[in-house]
Amino acid sequence: MGLFRRRKKEAGPACSAVIVAAGASTRMGFDKVLAEVGGVPVIVRCLEAFQQAPGITEMVVVTREDLVPDVARLCQDYGLTKVTKVIRGGENRTQSARMGTLECDKKAKLIAIHDGARPFVTVRVIEDAIAQAAVNGAAAPAVPVKDTVKEAHGGIVERTLERENLYAIQTPQVFDGDLIRAALQKALDDGAQLTDDCAAVERMGMKVVLTAGDERNIKLTTPTDLLIGEALVEEAVSL
């Protein structure tokens, strides 16, 4: 068996999803949460995948305070019935994720945390991560890095990293509910600067299992990414 674990066929425990969409969209230049890709708002495309995923029992959307009414309306308009709450986020992503996990159903053993700026996530990616988290406690989709990556300081290359050992991590990242709540709280207490939620449990010595991601599961960060997103929509329509 390779690095990516195969999804088990058995049905896993109930999983809540926290969709984090509370960023300022600084690099985008305009609000990407409500921006449309292929005529559908980014946040809606994101939520529709979780709506369709059998393993997801509920969704909690975390967004900016000024966007709460608009996002709640979109959830209603598009029939996203698994969305149970739309709440305001915190001062940073870790705080927003933590706030979302506290609003999840306490009966849900697992919690999936997903970037609201990744609208092309598939049900397969979601379900695979859920299945492995149910067994291992923490799982995240990933794709192998294609480019050569170098470590540099002050603009001077110090070393070339072994590409075969490098992976680009995506979301949703799925965890045991009690574990991720505790890990995120500890990260906040310690003032840790995290780039993803896996880092929170890694700090506690927990291993994260990688599952197969999808190259189309891109994060929309710049206007160029929106152009790529439009191309992905057109490609899907033409298939």
Protein backbone atom coordinates (compact mmCIF):
# COMPACT_ATOMS: atom_id res chain seq x y z
CA MET A 1 0.00 0.00 0.00
CA GLY A 2 1.33 3.47 -0.86
CA LEU A 3 1.33 6.57 1.30
CA PHE A 4 -2.28 7.36 0.56
CA ARG A 5 -4.58 5.07 2.49
CA ARG A 6 -7.52 3.50 0.72
CA ARG A 7 -10.96 4.33 1.97
CA LYS A 8 -12.58 1.58 4.03
CA LYS A 9 -16.01 0.47 2.90
CA GLU A 10 -17.58 0.46 6.36
CA ALA A 11 -19.72 3.46 7.23
CA GLY A 12 -17.97 5.74 9.71
CA PRO A 13 -19.35 7.73 12.62
CA ALA A 14 -21.25 10.96 12.18
CA CYS A 15 -19.11 13.90 11.09
CA SER A 16 -19.83 17.61 11.49
CA ALA A 17 -18.25 20.06 9.05
CA VAL A 18 -16.90 23.49 9.91
CA ILE A 19 -16.55 25.68 6.83
CA VAL A 20 -14.17 28.54 7.58
CA ALA A 21 -14.86 31.58 5.37
CA ALA A 22 -14.01 34.51 7.62
CA GLY A 23 -10.94 35.89 5.86
CA ALA A 24 -10.52 39.46 4.64
CA SER A 25 -9.76 38.39 1.01
CA THR A 26 -6.84 40.85 0.99
CA ARG A 27 -4.94 39.18 -1.84
CA MET A 28 -8.09 38.75 -3.90
CA GLY A 29 -8.91 42.45 -3.78
CA PHE A 30 -12.63 41.80 -3.29
CA ASP A 31 -14.82 39.47 -1.25
CA LYS A 32 -14.29 35.96 -2.60
CA VAL A 33 -16.92 34.31 -0.38
CA LEU A 34 -19.76 35.82 -2.39
CA ALA A 35 -17.87 35.99 -5.71
CA GLU A 36 -19.38 33.81 -8.41
CA VAL A 37 -17.62 31.06 -10.31
CA GLY A 38 -19.64 29.70 -13.20
CA GLY A 39 -22.60 31.75 -11.99
CA VAL A 40 -22.66 30.21 -8.50
CA PRO A 41 -21.23 31.87 -5.35
CA VAL A 42 -17.95 30.35 -4.17
CA ILE A 43 -19.32 29.55 -0.71
CA VAL A 44 -22.33 27.77 -2.22
CA ARG A 45 -20.19 25.56 -4.47
CA CYS A 46 -18.17 24.64 -1.41
CA LEU A 47 -21.19 23.81 0.74
CA GLU A 48 -22.94 21.79 -1.97
CA ALA A 49 -20.20 19.13 -1.87
CA PHE A 50 -20.69 18.66 1.87
CA GLN A 51 -24.46 18.67 1.41
CA GLN A 52 -24.04 15.67 -0.91
CA ALA A 53 -21.47 13.79 1.22
CA PRO A 54 -23.18 10.90 3.07
CA GLY A 55 -20.80 11.09 6.02
CA ILE A 56 -21.57 14.73 6.80
CA THR A 57 -24.49 15.21 9.18
CA GLU A 58 -24.33 18.99 9.67
CA MET A 59 -22.44 22.10 8.58
CA VAL A 60 -21.44 25.12 10.62
CA VAL A 61 -20.35 28.09 8.50
CA VAL A 62 -17.94 30.59 10.04
CA THR A 63 -17.75 33.91 8.20
CA ARG A 64 -17.23 37.62 8.78
CA GLU A 65 -19.87 39.31 10.89
CA ASP A 66 -20.97 41.55 8.01
CA LEU A 67 -21.49 38.51 5.76
CA VAL A 68 -23.55 36.39 8.17
CA PRO A 69 -26.96 37.55 6.80
CA ASP A 70 -25.92 37.11 3.16
CA VAL A 71 -24.41 33.66 3.70
CA ALA A 72 -27.45 32.53 5.71
CA ARG A 73 -29.73 33.70 2.88
CA LEU A 74 -27.69 31.83 0.27
CA CYS A 75 -27.89 28.64 2.34
CA GLN A 76 -31.66 28.95 2.39
CA ASP A 77 -31.98 29.90 -1.28
CA TYR A 78 -29.86 26.95 -2.45
CA GLY A 79 -31.53 24.41 -0.16
CA LEU A 80 -28.42 23.64 1.90
CA THR A 81 -30.36 21.85 4.60
CA LYS A 82 -27.34 20.47 6.44
CA VAL A 83 -26.27 23.97 7.45
CA THR A 84 -27.34 24.35 11.07
CA LYS A 85 -25.57 27.60 11.97
CA VAL A 86 -23.88 30.57 10.31
CA ILE A 87 -21.69 32.37 12.85
CA ARG A 88 -19.14 35.19 12.89
CA GLY A 89 -15.46 34.31 12.93
CA GLY A 90 -12.59 35.37 15.13
CA GLU A 91 -9.47 37.48 14.70
CA ASN A 92 -7.54 34.73 12.89
CA ARG A 93 -8.18 31.41 11.20
CA THR A 94 -7.32 29.28 14.22
CA GLN A 95 -9.75 31.23 16.37
CA SER A 96 -12.46 30.97 13.71
CA ALA A 97 -11.96 27.21 13.42
CA ARG A 98 -12.12 26.85 17.19
CA MET A 99 -15.35 28.86 17.35
CA GLY A 100 -16.85 26.64 14.67
CA THR A 101 -15.95 23.41 16.46
CA LEU A 102 -17.66 24.65 19.63
CA GLU A 103 -20.93 25.03 17.69
CA CYS A 104 -20.87 21.48 16.32
CA ASP A 105 -23.19 18.77 17.58
CA LYS A 106 -21.46 17.21 20.60
CA LYS A 107 -22.74 13.79 19.47
CA ALA A 108 -20.64 13.96 16.30
CA LYS A 109 -17.47 11.97 16.88
CA LEU A 110 -15.62 13.61 14.01
CA ILE A 111 -15.21 17.20 12.83
CA ALA A 112 -14.11 18.17 9.33
CA ILE A 113 -12.62 21.64 8.88
CA HIS A 114 -12.64 23.04 5.35
CA ASP A 115 -11.48 26.24 3.69
CA GLY A 116 -14.46 28.13 2.33
CA ALA A 117 -12.21 29.24 -0.53
CA ARG A 118 -11.93 25.66 -1.88
CA PRO A 119 -15.17 25.36 -3.89
CA PHE A 120 -14.09 22.40 -6.02
CA VAL A 121 -13.73 19.80 -3.28
CA THR A 122 -15.39 16.50 -4.21
CA VAL A 123 -17.51 14.09 -2.24
CA ARG A 124 -14.81 11.45 -2.77
CA VAL A 125 -12.15 13.63 -1.14
CA ILE A 126 -14.46 14.36 1.79
CA GLU A 127 -15.49 10.76 2.34
CA ASP A 128 -11.94 9.40 2.12
CA ALA A 129 -10.73 11.82 4.79
CA ILE A 130 -13.68 10.97 7.04
CA ALA A 131 -13.04 7.23 6.72
CA GLN A 132 -9.39 7.51 7.68
CA ALA A 133 -10.01 9.94 10.54
CA ALA A 134 -12.53 7.47 11.95
CA VAL A 135 -9.72 4.91 12.20
CA ASN A 136 -6.70 7.08 12.96
CA GLY A 137 -8.06 10.20 14.67
CA ALA A 138 -6.73 12.70 12.13
CA ALA A 139 -6.59 12.72 8.32
CA ALA A 140 -6.08 15.23 5.52
CA PRO A 141 -6.13 15.07 1.72
CA ALA A 142 -2.87 15.84 -0.07
CA VAL A 143 -1.30 15.88 -3.52
CA PRO A 144 2.39 15.33 -4.33
CA VAL A 145 4.38 18.51 -4.93
CA LYS A 146 5.39 18.80 -8.60
CA ASP A 147 7.80 21.72 -8.44
CA THR A 148 11.31 21.59 -7.06
CA VAL A 149 11.25 23.29 -3.65
CA LYS A 150 14.26 25.07 -2.20
CA GLU A 151 14.81 26.44 1.29
CA ALA A 152 16.33 29.91 1.24
CA HIS A 153 17.20 32.65 3.69
CA GLY A 154 17.83 36.24 2.67
CA GLY A 155 17.25 35.29 -0.94
CA ILE A 156 20.09 32.74 -0.87
CA VAL A 157 19.33 29.03 -1.42
CA GLU A 158 20.50 26.86 1.44
CA ARG A 159 19.24 23.48 0.31
CA THR A 160 16.95 21.64 -2.10
CA LEU A 161 14.24 19.59 -0.43
CA GLU A 162 13.54 16.01 -1.49
CA ARG A 163 10.47 16.41 -3.67
CA GLU A 164 9.33 12.79 -3.30
CA ASN A 165 8.71 13.46 0.39
CA LEU A 166 6.76 16.69 -0.09
CA TYR A 167 2.98 17.00 -0.28
CA ALA A 168 0.63 19.96 -0.65
CA ILE A 169 -2.04 19.61 2.03
CA GLN A 170 -5.66 20.39 1.22
CA THR A 171 -8.91 20.44 3.13
CA PRO A 172 -11.18 19.12 4.55
CA GLN A 173 -8.96 18.03 7.40
CA VAL A 174 -10.89 15.65 9.61
CA PHE A 175 -10.29 14.94 13.29
CA ASP A 176 -11.67 13.31 16.39
CA GLY A 177 -13.91 16.04 17.78
CA ASP A 178 -12.47 16.18 21.29
CA LEU A 179 -8.93 16.12 19.91
CA ILE A 180 -9.30 19.07 17.55
CA ARG A 181 -11.17 21.20 20.06
CA ALA A 182 -8.39 20.69 22.61
CA ALA A 183 -5.61 21.14 20.04
CA LEU A 184 -6.98 24.40 18.69
CA GLN A 185 -7.48 25.78 22.18
CA LYS A 186 -3.91 24.90 23.15
CA ALA A 187 -2.59 26.57 19.99
CA LEU A 188 -4.51 29.73 20.87
CA ASP A 189 -3.30 29.62 24.49
CA ASP A 190 0.30 29.23 23.29
CA GLY A 191 -0.03 31.98 20.68
CA ALA A 192 1.03 29.55 17.97
CA GLN A 193 0.88 30.81 14.38
CA LEU A 194 -0.68 27.97 12.37
CA THR A 195 -1.19 27.66 8.62
CA ASP A 196 -3.62 24.75 8.90
CA ASP A 197 -5.51 22.73 11.49
CA CYS A 198 -3.30 19.64 11.18
CA ALA A 199 -0.50 21.68 12.70
CA ALA A 200 -2.56 22.03 15.87
CA VAL A 201 -2.76 18.29 16.47
CA GLU A 202 0.81 17.74 15.27
CA ARG A 203 1.94 20.05 18.10
CA MET A 204 0.35 17.57 20.49
CA GLY A 205 2.26 14.63 19.03
CA MET A 206 -0.66 13.28 17.02
CA LYS A 207 0.03 11.68 13.64
CA VAL A 208 -2.01 12.77 10.63
CA VAL A 209 -2.79 10.23 7.91
CA LEU A 210 -2.72 11.54 4.35
CA THR A 211 -5.48 10.61 1.92
CA ALA A 212 -5.61 11.20 -1.83
CA GLY A 213 -6.46 14.80 -2.64
CA ASP A 214 -7.49 16.27 -5.97
CA GLU A 215 -5.53 18.73 -8.09
CA ARG A 216 -8.80 20.53 -8.84
CA ASN A 217 -9.35 21.16 -5.13
CA ILE A 218 -7.60 24.51 -5.40
CA LYS A 219 -7.80 27.39 -2.97
CA LEU A 220 -9.02 30.66 -4.49
CA THR A 221 -6.58 33.26 -3.23
CA THR A 222 -5.87 35.66 -6.13
CA PRO A 223 -7.85 36.87 -9.18
CA THR A 224 -5.83 34.42 -11.28
CA ASP A 225 -7.28 31.58 -9.22
CA LEU A 226 -10.78 32.73 -10.17
CA LEU A 227 -9.84 32.44 -13.84
CA ILE A 228 -8.63 28.90 -13.20
CA GLY A 229 -11.88 28.22 -11.37
CA GLU A 230 -13.93 29.36 -14.35
CA ALA A 231 -11.90 27.01 -16.56
CA LEU A 232 -12.60 24.12 -14.20
CA VAL A 233 -16.33 24.84 -14.36
CA GLU A 234 -16.27 24.96 -18.15
CA GLU A 235 -14.33 21.71 -18.28
CA ALA A 236 -16.88 19.98 -16.02
CA VAL A 237 -19.78 21.25 -18.15
CA SER A 238 -18.20 19.97 -21.36
CA LEU A 239 -17.62 16.45 -19.99
